[in-house]
């Protein structure tokens, strides 16, 4: 398995801290769509769901916290 990109990991950390993809995308100066795509690719690469997505933001799963 290849390593996730540093940019994707940075996006994960910011999204986890803010619990909001919109705010995380704004902090990274990317679109929400781009960040969401990066998070999905990261989850696919790790074969783990990292976030529970909801109408008011995101929440880390147990795997995401690990």
C-alpha atoms as a PDB file:
ATOM      1  CA  UNK A   1       0.000   0.000   0.000  1.00  0.00           C
ATOM      2  CA  UNK A   2       1.405   3.378  -0.935  1.00  0.00           C
ATOM      3  CA  UNK A   3       1.473   6.195   1.557  1.00  0.00           C
ATOM      4  CA  UNK A   4      -1.336   8.767   1.655  1.00  0.00           C
ATOM      5  CA  UNK A   5      -0.378  12.220   0.461  1.00  0.00           C
ATOM      6  CA  UNK A   6       0.733  14.720   3.061  1.00  0.00           C
ATOM      7  CA  UNK A   7      -1.957  17.091   1.773  1.00  0.00           C
ATOM      8  CA  UNK A   8      -4.668  14.471   2.417  1.00  0.00           C
ATOM      9  CA  UNK A   9      -3.354  13.859   5.931  1.00  0.00           C
ATOM     10  CA  UNK A  10      -3.297  17.591   6.613  1.00  0.00           C
ATOM     11  CA  UNK A  11      -6.890  17.813   5.402  1.00  0.00           C
ATOM     12  CA  UNK A  12      -7.861  14.940   7.672  1.00  0.00           C
ATOM     13  CA  UNK A  13      -6.326  16.627  10.720  1.00  0.00           C
ATOM     14  CA  UNK A  14      -7.996  19.979  10.022  1.00  0.00           C
ATOM     15  CA  UNK A  15     -11.373  18.354   9.307  1.00  0.00           C
ATOM     16  CA  UNK A  16     -11.097  16.298  12.496  1.00  0.00           C
ATOM     17  CA  UNK A  17     -10.272  19.385  14.556  1.00  0.00           C
ATOM     18  CA  UNK A  18     -12.967  21.618  13.083  1.00  0.00           C
ATOM     19  CA  UNK A  19     -15.530  18.804  12.694  1.00  0.00           C
ATOM     20  CA  UNK A  20     -16.580  20.580   9.511  1.00  0.00           C
ATOM     21  CA  UNK A  21     -15.432  20.002   5.929  1.00  0.00           C
ATOM     22  CA  UNK A  22     -16.410  23.513   4.826  1.00  0.00           C
ATOM     23  CA  UNK A  23     -14.253  25.175   7.470  1.00  0.00           C
ATOM     24  CA  UNK A  24     -11.422  22.749   6.833  1.00  0.00           C
ATOM     25  CA  UNK A  25     -11.562  23.406   3.087  1.00  0.00           C
ATOM     26  CA  UNK A  26     -11.550  27.150   3.715  1.00  0.00           C
ATOM     27  CA  UNK A  27      -8.505  26.826   5.986  1.00  0.00           C
ATOM     28  CA  UNK A  28      -6.707  24.832   3.284  1.00  0.00           C
ATOM     29  CA  UNK A  29      -7.802  27.151   0.458  1.00  0.00           C
ATOM     30  CA  UNK A  30      -9.455  24.335  -1.500  1.00  0.00           C
ATOM     31  CA  UNK A  31     -13.073  23.642  -2.404  1.00  0.00           C
ATOM     32  CA  UNK A  32     -15.261  21.485  -0.188  1.00  0.00           C
ATOM     33  CA  UNK A  33     -15.630  19.093  -3.107  1.00  0.00           C
ATOM     34  CA  UNK A  34     -11.849  18.724  -3.447  1.00  0.00           C
ATOM     35  CA  UNK A  35     -11.397  18.098   0.271  1.00  0.00           C
ATOM     36  CA  UNK A  36     -14.286  15.636   0.379  1.00  0.00           C
ATOM     37  CA  UNK A  37     -12.762  13.766  -2.556  1.00  0.00           C
ATOM     38  CA  UNK A  38      -9.390  13.637  -0.776  1.00  0.00           C
ATOM     39  CA  UNK A  39     -11.036  12.267   2.370  1.00  0.00           C
ATOM     40  CA  UNK A  40     -12.866   9.572   0.402  1.00  0.00           C
ATOM     41  CA  UNK A  41      -9.636   8.554  -1.341  1.00  0.00           C
ATOM     42  CA  UNK A  42      -7.861   8.433   2.022  1.00  0.00           C
ATOM     43  CA  UNK A  43     -10.625   6.241   3.442  1.00  0.00           C
ATOM     44  CA  UNK A  44     -10.450   3.951   0.405  1.00  0.00           C
ATOM     45  CA  UNK A  45      -6.680   3.694   0.627  1.00  0.00           C
ATOM     46  CA  UNK A  46      -6.811   2.857   4.346  1.00  0.00           C
ATOM     47  CA  UNK A  47      -9.899   0.676   3.861  1.00  0.00           C
ATOM     48  CA  UNK A  48     -11.449   2.368   6.891  1.00  0.00           C
ATOM     49  CA  UNK A  49     -14.281   4.855   7.353  1.00  0.00           C
ATOM     50  CA  UNK A  50     -12.709   7.802   9.173  1.00  0.00           C
ATOM     51  CA  UNK A  51     -15.709  10.129   9.401  1.00  0.00           C
ATOM     52  CA  UNK A  52     -19.417   9.898   9.987  1.00  0.00           C
ATOM     53  CA  UNK A  53     -20.876  12.546   7.724  1.00  0.00           C
ATOM     54  CA  UNK A  54     -23.983  14.409   8.855  1.00  0.00           C
ATOM     55  CA  UNK A  55     -25.970  17.533   8.018  1.00  0.00           C
ATOM     56  CA  UNK A  56     -24.102  19.550  10.663  1.00  0.00           C
ATOM     57  CA  UNK A  57     -20.579  18.409   9.924  1.00  0.00           C
ATOM     58  CA  UNK A  58     -18.424  15.360  10.412  1.00  0.00           C
ATOM     59  CA  UNK A  59     -17.619  13.221  13.398  1.00  0.00           C
ATOM     60  CA  UNK A  60     -14.652  10.899  13.746  1.00  0.00           C
ATOM     61  CA  UNK A  61     -15.368   7.201  13.811  1.00  0.00           C
ATOM     62  CA  UNK A  62     -13.490   4.947  16.220  1.00  0.00           C
ATOM     63  CA  UNK A  63     -11.148   4.123  13.343  1.00  0.00           C
ATOM     64  CA  UNK A  64     -10.679   7.811  12.612  1.00  0.00           C
ATOM     65  CA  UNK A  65      -9.714   8.532  16.202  1.00  0.00           C
ATOM     66  CA  UNK A  66      -7.224   5.702  16.153  1.00  0.00           C
END
